[in-house]
Protein backbone atom coordinates (compact mmCIF):
# COMPACT_ATOMS: atom_id res chain seq x y z
CA MET A 1 -3.57 4.60 -31.30
CA LEU A 2 -5.47 4.03 -28.08
CA LYS A 3 -6.72 7.29 -26.57
CA ILE A 4 -6.91 7.23 -22.78
CA GLU A 5 -8.88 9.77 -20.77
CA ARG A 6 -6.76 12.36 -18.95
CA SER A 7 -8.11 11.41 -15.51
CA ILE A 8 -7.21 7.74 -16.07
CA GLN A 9 -3.70 8.77 -17.11
CA ILE A 10 -3.28 10.72 -13.87
CA LEU A 11 -4.56 7.79 -11.79
CA LEU A 12 -2.20 5.40 -13.56
CA VAL A 13 0.77 7.66 -12.83
CA CYS A 14 -0.26 7.85 -9.16
CA ILE A 15 -0.54 4.06 -8.94
CA PHE A 16 2.85 3.67 -10.63
CA VAL A 17 4.48 6.04 -8.12
CA ALA A 18 2.84 4.22 -5.18
CA MET A 19 4.05 0.82 -6.42
CA LEU A 20 7.50 2.24 -7.14
CA GLY A 21 7.70 3.41 -3.53
CA LEU A 22 6.69 -0.04 -2.32
CA GLY A 23 9.36 -1.61 -4.53
CA ILE A 24 12.03 0.67 -3.13
CA ILE A 25 11.09 0.19 0.54
CA SER A 26 10.35 -3.56 0.54
CA PRO A 27 13.95 -4.81 0.15
CA ILE A 28 15.36 -2.66 2.97
CA MET A 29 12.44 -2.88 5.40
CA PRO A 30 13.53 -6.23 6.98
CA LEU A 31 17.04 -4.88 7.55
CA TYR A 32 15.67 -1.74 9.19
CA ALA A 33 13.27 -3.79 11.34
CA SER A 34 16.04 -6.10 12.55
CA ASP A 35 18.16 -3.06 13.47
CA LEU A 36 15.21 -1.88 15.57
CA GLY A 37 15.15 -5.22 17.40
CA ALA A 38 12.36 -7.08 15.59
CA ASN A 39 12.53 -10.88 15.73
CA LEU A 40 12.14 -13.13 12.68
CA VAL A 41 8.38 -13.63 13.17
CA GLN A 42 7.81 -9.88 13.35
CA ILE A 43 9.94 -9.31 10.26
CA GLY A 44 7.97 -12.00 8.41
CA LEU A 45 4.65 -10.43 9.39
CA LEU A 46 5.92 -7.00 8.42
CA SER A 47 7.08 -8.28 5.04
CA SER A 48 3.82 -10.08 4.33
CA ALA A 49 1.46 -7.36 5.60
CA TRP A 50 0.95 -5.89 2.12
CA SER A 51 0.17 -9.30 0.62
CA ILE A 52 -2.22 -10.17 3.46
CA SER A 53 -4.08 -6.88 3.13
CA ARG A 54 -4.31 -7.38 -0.63
CA LEU A 55 -5.74 -10.87 -0.07
CA VAL A 56 -8.38 -9.49 2.30
CA PHE A 57 -9.41 -6.39 0.35
CA THR A 58 -9.08 -7.36 -3.34
CA ALA A 59 -12.34 -9.30 -3.69
CA PRO A 60 -14.57 -6.74 -1.90
CA ALA A 61 -12.95 -3.86 -3.80
CA GLY A 62 -13.42 -5.71 -7.08
CA ARG A 63 -17.05 -6.40 -6.29
CA TYR A 64 -17.63 -2.75 -5.43
CA SER A 65 -15.86 -1.53 -8.57
CA ASP A 66 -17.98 -3.83 -10.73
CA ARG A 67 -21.16 -2.40 -9.20
CA GLY A 68 -20.03 1.19 -8.87
CA SER A 69 -17.19 3.22 -10.25
CA LYS A 70 -13.70 1.87 -10.83
CA LYS A 71 -12.34 5.40 -10.52
CA ARG A 72 -13.77 5.71 -7.01
CA VAL A 73 -12.12 2.46 -5.92
CA ILE A 74 -8.77 3.58 -7.32
CA MET A 75 -9.09 7.00 -5.68
CA ALA A 76 -10.00 5.39 -2.33
CA GLY A 77 -6.92 3.18 -2.58
CA LEU A 78 -4.73 6.16 -3.40
CA LEU A 79 -6.11 8.03 -0.39
CA VAL A 80 -5.58 5.06 1.96
CA THR A 81 -2.02 4.37 0.75
CA PRO A 82 -0.45 7.42 2.47
CA SER A 83 -2.23 6.61 5.74
CA SER A 84 0.20 3.80 6.52
CA PRO A 85 3.38 5.87 6.48
CA SER A 86 1.53 8.81 8.01
CA SER A 87 0.42 6.65 10.93
CA THR A 88 4.06 6.12 11.89
CA CYS A 89 4.20 9.80 12.90
CA TRP A 90 2.15 8.89 15.99
CA PRO A 91 3.70 5.63 17.20
CA GLY A 92 2.88 6.08 20.88
CA THR A 93 5.36 5.01 23.48
CA SER A 94 8.25 2.73 22.67
CA ARG A 95 9.63 0.27 25.19
CA ALA A 96 12.91 -0.49 23.48
């Protein structure tokens, strides 16, 4: 049987939980955005933001992980992931 290091197991569980959260939020996010008054273009940009950011950051992160440590790249991603929902705590002023 394949023996996986304990730290890798923990990172894999963290990644699974992060992707599970994305899978739960993604289907209802357009409905919530339209209730808040977003138009179709804004809803489309909101829905594709994750894919666009993945397109932009995948190649540089892969290059860095090939040169350096894959664990560091995964940890950096796991630290950046909560910054998006956390940033909604300080939205500024709303003109709705």
